[in-house]
Amino acid sequence: MAFERTVAEMTTEQLISAANGRYGSGIASDGLIKEAAAELKRRSSPAGSAANPPDQISADAHFIATNASRDAGRIIKHLWIIFVLLPFVCGILFWILMEAAK
């Protein structure tokens, strides 16, 4: 179509205006109206393209994502205790015991 490139480059707001019969400061032609409506339908379909995934997120995924971000500080704190503080304390206790055994 003659409008294919123009319609593909339009923003959503411009497509809505064109589908309603207005284009720029004038009236859209019938071909442009049909092409704009088809492009809006294509963009709004969930399987429109791989580059345009659906914006809907399940409630479970939202819950997991928000709780994981809130718990991140607590998780990092416990990992720090396990991998940094605990070996340090064990090393000091080992040194004390070795000095007492002499």
N, C-alpha and C. Protein backbone atom coordinates (compact mmCIF):
# COMPACT_ATOMS: atom_id res chain seq x y z
N MET A 1 0.84 -1.20 0.00
CA MET A 1 0.00 0.00 0.00
C MET A 1 0.87 1.25 0.00
N ALA A 2 0.31 2.32 -0.40
CA ALA A 2 1.04 3.59 -0.46
C ALA A 2 1.29 4.14 0.93
N PHE A 3 0.42 3.80 1.89
CA PHE A 3 0.53 4.35 3.23
C PHE A 3 1.29 3.43 4.18
N GLU A 4 1.76 2.29 3.70
CA GLU A 4 2.36 1.30 4.58
C GLU A 4 3.56 1.86 5.36
N ARG A 5 4.47 2.53 4.68
CA ARG A 5 5.63 3.09 5.35
C ARG A 5 5.22 4.21 6.30
N THR A 6 4.33 5.06 5.90
CA THR A 6 3.87 6.15 6.76
C THR A 6 3.18 5.61 8.00
N VAL A 7 2.34 4.61 7.83
CA VAL A 7 1.59 4.04 8.96
C VAL A 7 2.54 3.33 9.90
N ALA A 8 3.53 2.63 9.38
CA ALA A 8 4.47 1.91 10.24
C ALA A 8 5.31 2.87 11.09
N GLU A 9 5.52 4.08 10.63
CA GLU A 9 6.34 5.05 11.37
C GLU A 9 5.53 5.92 12.32
N MET A 10 4.21 5.83 12.25
CA MET A 10 3.36 6.68 13.09
C MET A 10 3.38 6.22 14.55
N THR A 11 3.20 7.20 15.44
CA THR A 11 3.02 6.87 16.85
C THR A 11 1.60 6.39 17.06
N THR A 12 1.34 5.86 18.22
CA THR A 12 0.00 5.36 18.52
C THR A 12 -1.03 6.48 18.48
N GLU A 13 -0.67 7.64 18.99
CA GLU A 13 -1.62 8.76 18.99
C GLU A 13 -1.96 9.18 17.56
N GLN A 14 -0.93 9.20 16.68
CA GLN A 14 -1.18 9.55 15.28
C GLN A 14 -2.05 8.50 14.60
N LEU A 15 -1.83 7.24 14.92
CA LEU A 15 -2.65 6.18 14.34
C LEU A 15 -4.11 6.31 14.77
N ILE A 16 -4.32 6.63 16.02
CA ILE A 16 -5.69 6.80 16.51
C ILE A 16 -6.37 7.95 15.79
N SER A 17 -5.66 9.06 15.63
CA SER A 17 -6.22 10.20 14.90
C SER A 17 -6.54 9.82 13.45
N ALA A 18 -5.61 9.11 12.80
CA ALA A 18 -5.82 8.71 11.40
C ALA A 18 -6.98 7.72 11.28
N ALA A 19 -7.09 6.80 12.22
CA ALA A 19 -8.19 5.83 12.18
C ALA A 19 -9.53 6.51 12.41
N ASN A 20 -9.54 7.65 13.11
CA ASN A 20 -10.76 8.41 13.33
C ASN A 20 -11.05 9.40 12.21
N GLY A 21 -10.19 9.42 11.18
CA GLY A 21 -10.46 10.27 10.03
C GLY A 21 -9.73 11.58 9.99
N ARG A 22 -8.86 11.84 10.96
CA ARG A 22 -8.10 13.08 10.98
C ARG A 22 -6.63 12.75 10.78
N TYR A 23 -5.97 13.47 9.88
CA TYR A 23 -4.54 13.26 9.66
C TYR A 23 -3.90 14.62 9.48
N GLY A 24 -3.04 14.97 10.44
CA GLY A 24 -2.43 16.30 10.40
C GLY A 24 -3.51 17.36 10.60
N SER A 25 -3.55 18.33 9.71
CA SER A 25 -4.57 19.38 9.82
C SER A 25 -5.74 19.11 8.88
N GLY A 26 -5.70 17.99 8.15
CA GLY A 26 -6.75 17.70 7.19
C GLY A 26 -7.52 16.43 7.52
N ILE A 27 -8.23 15.96 6.52
CA ILE A 27 -9.04 14.76 6.68
C ILE A 27 -8.30 13.60 6.03
N ALA A 28 -8.26 12.46 6.71
CA ALA A 28 -7.55 11.30 6.20
C ALA A 28 -8.36 10.63 5.09
N SER A 29 -7.66 10.04 4.14
CA SER A 29 -8.32 9.32 3.06
C SER A 29 -8.79 7.96 3.57
N ASP A 30 -9.66 7.33 2.79
CA ASP A 30 -10.20 6.02 3.19
C ASP A 30 -9.09 4.98 3.32
N GLY A 31 -8.12 5.03 2.41
CA GLY A 31 -7.02 4.07 2.47
C GLY A 31 -6.19 4.24 3.73
N LEU A 32 -5.94 5.48 4.10
CA LEU A 32 -5.16 5.74 5.32
C LEU A 32 -5.93 5.32 6.55
N ILE A 33 -7.24 5.53 6.56
CA ILE A 33 -8.06 5.13 7.70
C ILE A 33 -7.99 3.62 7.88
N LYS A 34 -8.12 2.88 6.77
CA LYS A 34 -8.07 1.41 6.85
C LYS A 34 -6.69 0.93 7.29
N GLU A 35 -5.64 1.50 6.73
CA GLU A 35 -4.28 1.10 7.09
C GLU A 35 -3.97 1.43 8.55
N ALA A 36 -4.42 2.58 9.03
CA ALA A 36 -4.18 2.96 10.42
C ALA A 36 -4.93 2.03 11.37
N ALA A 37 -6.15 1.67 11.01
CA ALA A 37 -6.92 0.75 11.85
C ALA A 37 -6.26 -0.62 11.89
N ALA A 38 -5.75 -1.09 10.74
CA ALA A 38 -5.07 -2.38 10.69
C ALA A 38 -3.78 -2.36 11.51
N GLU A 39 -3.04 -1.25 11.44
CA GLU A 39 -1.80 -1.13 12.21
C GLU A 39 -2.09 -1.08 13.71
N LEU A 40 -3.14 -0.37 14.11
CA LEU A 40 -3.52 -0.34 15.53
C LEU A 40 -3.89 -1.73 16.01
N LYS A 41 -4.63 -2.47 15.19
CA LYS A 41 -5.02 -3.83 15.57
C LYS A 41 -3.79 -4.71 15.69
N ARG A 42 -2.82 -4.57 14.75
CA ARG A 42 -1.62 -5.38 14.80
C ARG A 42 -0.78 -5.06 16.04
N ARG A 43 -0.68 -3.79 16.37
CA ARG A 43 0.12 -3.40 17.54
C ARG A 43 -0.54 -3.81 18.84
N SER A 44 -1.84 -3.88 18.87
CA SER A 44 -2.52 -4.21 20.12
C SER A 44 -2.65 -5.70 20.35
N SER A 45 -2.39 -6.52 19.33
CA SER A 45 -2.51 -7.97 19.51
C SER A 45 -1.32 -8.47 20.32
N PRO A 46 -1.56 -9.41 21.26
CA PRO A 46 -0.48 -9.90 22.11
C PRO A 46 0.63 -10.59 21.32
N ALA A 47 0.30 -11.23 20.23
CA ALA A 47 1.31 -11.93 19.43
C ALA A 47 1.71 -11.09 18.22
N GLY A 48 1.65 -9.78 18.35
CA GLY A 48 1.96 -8.88 17.24
C GLY A 48 3.36 -9.07 16.71
N SER A 49 4.33 -9.09 17.58
CA SER A 49 5.70 -9.35 17.18
C SER A 49 6.51 -9.70 18.42
N ALA A 50 7.67 -10.28 18.20
CA ALA A 50 8.52 -10.65 19.33
C ALA A 50 9.11 -9.41 19.99
N ALA A 51 9.25 -8.32 19.25
CA ALA A 51 9.81 -7.10 19.82
C ALA A 51 8.77 -6.31 20.62
N ASN A 52 7.51 -6.69 20.52
CA ASN A 52 6.45 -5.99 21.22
C ASN A 52 5.70 -6.98 22.11
N PRO A 53 6.31 -7.41 23.25
CA PRO A 53 5.65 -8.39 24.11
C PRO A 53 4.47 -7.75 24.83
N PRO A 54 3.52 -8.55 25.29
CA PRO A 54 2.38 -8.00 26.01
C PRO A 54 2.83 -7.38 27.34
N ASP A 55 2.12 -6.36 27.78
CA ASP A 55 2.49 -5.66 29.00
C ASP A 55 1.84 -6.25 30.24
N GLN A 56 1.01 -7.26 30.07
CA GLN A 56 0.32 -7.83 31.20
C GLN A 56 1.25 -8.74 31.98
N ILE A 57 1.25 -8.59 33.31
CA ILE A 57 2.08 -9.40 34.19
C ILE A 57 1.15 -10.06 35.18
N SER A 58 1.36 -11.35 35.41
CA SER A 58 0.49 -12.06 36.34
C SER A 58 0.69 -11.53 37.75
N ALA A 59 -0.31 -11.72 38.58
CA ALA A 59 -0.23 -11.24 39.96
C ALA A 59 0.86 -11.98 40.72
N ASP A 60 1.05 -13.27 40.42
CA ASP A 60 2.10 -14.02 41.10
C ASP A 60 3.48 -13.48 40.75
N ALA A 61 3.71 -13.20 39.47
CA ALA A 61 5.00 -12.67 39.05
C ALA A 61 5.25 -11.30 39.68
N HIS A 62 4.22 -10.49 39.76
CA HIS A 62 4.37 -9.16 40.38
C HIS A 62 4.70 -9.31 41.87
N PHE A 63 4.03 -10.22 42.55
CA PHE A 63 4.27 -10.45 43.98
C PHE A 63 5.70 -10.92 44.22
N ILE A 64 6.17 -11.87 43.41
CA ILE A 64 7.53 -12.39 43.56
C ILE A 64 8.56 -11.29 43.30
N ALA A 65 8.35 -10.51 42.25
CA ALA A 65 9.30 -9.46 41.90
C ALA A 65 9.38 -8.39 42.98
N THR A 66 8.25 -7.97 43.52
CA THR A 66 8.28 -6.92 44.54
C THR A 66 8.85 -7.43 45.85
N ASN A 67 8.53 -8.66 46.23
CA ASN A 67 9.08 -9.19 47.48
C ASN A 67 10.56 -9.50 47.35
N ALA A 68 11.01 -9.93 46.19
CA ALA A 68 12.43 -10.20 46.00
C ALA A 68 13.24 -8.92 46.11
N SER A 69 12.71 -7.83 45.60
CA SER A 69 13.46 -6.57 45.70
C SER A 69 13.48 -6.05 47.13
N ARG A 70 12.42 -6.30 47.90
CA ARG A 70 12.40 -5.88 49.29
C ARG A 70 13.31 -6.73 50.15
N ASP A 71 13.44 -8.04 49.83
CA ASP A 71 14.23 -8.95 50.63
C ASP A 71 15.70 -8.99 50.21
N ALA A 72 16.08 -8.26 49.18
CA ALA A 72 17.44 -8.33 48.67
C ALA A 72 18.45 -7.89 49.74
N GLY A 73 18.16 -6.87 50.49
CA GLY A 73 19.08 -6.41 51.53
C GLY A 73 19.30 -7.45 52.60
N ARG A 74 18.24 -8.11 52.98
CA ARG A 74 18.34 -9.15 54.01
C ARG A 74 19.15 -10.34 53.50
N ILE A 75 18.93 -10.71 52.26
CA ILE A 75 19.67 -11.84 51.66
C ILE A 75 21.15 -11.52 51.59
N ILE A 76 21.49 -10.31 51.13
CA ILE A 76 22.89 -9.92 51.03
C ILE A 76 23.54 -9.86 52.41
N LYS A 77 22.81 -9.40 53.40
CA LYS A 77 23.36 -9.35 54.76
C LYS A 77 23.70 -10.75 55.25
N HIS A 78 22.81 -11.71 55.04
CA HIS A 78 23.08 -13.07 55.50
C HIS A 78 24.21 -13.73 54.72
N LEU A 79 24.29 -13.46 53.42
CA LEU A 79 25.41 -14.00 52.65
C LEU A 79 26.74 -13.43 53.14
N TRP A 80 26.76 -12.15 53.50
CA TRP A 80 27.96 -11.52 54.01
C TRP A 80 28.37 -12.17 55.33
N ILE A 81 27.40 -12.43 56.17
CA ILE A 81 27.70 -13.07 57.46
C ILE A 81 28.29 -14.46 57.23
N ILE A 82 27.69 -15.22 56.32
CA ILE A 82 28.15 -16.60 56.08
C ILE A 82 29.54 -16.63 55.46
N PHE A 83 29.79 -15.82 54.45
CA PHE A 83 31.03 -15.94 53.69
C PHE A 83 32.16 -15.01 54.14
N VAL A 84 31.88 -14.00 54.96
CA VAL A 84 32.93 -13.08 55.38
C VAL A 84 33.11 -13.12 56.90
N LEU A 85 32.07 -12.86 57.63
CA LEU A 85 32.19 -12.75 59.08
C LEU A 85 32.44 -14.10 59.75
N LEU A 86 31.72 -15.13 59.36
CA LEU A 86 31.89 -16.45 59.98
C LEU A 86 33.30 -17.01 59.77
N PRO A 87 33.88 -16.98 58.57
CA PRO A 87 35.27 -17.46 58.43
C PRO A 87 36.26 -16.62 59.25
N PHE A 88 36.03 -15.32 59.34
CA PHE A 88 36.90 -14.46 60.13
C PHE A 88 36.86 -14.85 61.60
N VAL A 89 35.66 -15.05 62.14
CA VAL A 89 35.51 -15.43 63.55
C VAL A 89 36.10 -16.82 63.78
N CYS A 90 35.87 -17.75 62.86
CA CYS A 90 36.45 -19.09 63.00
C CYS A 90 37.97 -19.03 62.97
N GLY A 91 38.54 -18.17 62.13
CA GLY A 91 39.99 -18.02 62.09
C GLY A 91 40.55 -17.48 63.39
N ILE A 92 39.88 -16.50 63.98
CA ILE A 92 40.33 -15.94 65.26
C ILE A 92 40.24 -17.00 66.35
N LEU A 93 39.15 -17.76 66.39
CA LEU A 93 39.01 -18.82 67.40
C LEU A 93 40.08 -19.89 67.22
N PHE A 94 40.36 -20.24 65.97
CA PHE A 94 41.40 -21.23 65.69
C PHE A 94 42.75 -20.73 66.17
N TRP A 95 43.05 -19.46 65.94
CA TRP A 95 44.32 -18.86 66.36
C TRP A 95 44.43 -18.86 67.89
N ILE A 96 43.32 -18.50 68.56
CA ILE A 96 43.31 -18.50 70.03
C ILE A 96 43.56 -19.89 70.59
N LEU A 97 42.90 -20.91 70.00
CA LEU A 97 43.07 -22.27 70.46
C LEU A 97 44.49 -22.78 70.21
N MET A 98 45.10 -22.39 69.08
CA MET A 98 46.45 -22.82 68.78
C MET A 98 47.46 -22.16 69.73
N GLU A 99 47.21 -20.91 70.10
CA GLU A 99 48.09 -20.21 71.03
C GLU A 99 47.96 -20.81 72.45
N ALA A 100 46.75 -21.21 72.80
CA ALA A 100 46.52 -21.79 74.14
C ALA A 100 47.12 -23.19 74.23
N ALA A 101 47.24 -23.88 73.11
CA ALA A 101 47.76 -25.25 73.12
C ALA A 101 49.28 -25.27 73.23
N LYS A 102 49.97 -24.16 73.02
CA LYS A 102 51.44 -24.13 73.08
C LYS A 102 51.95 -24.20 74.46
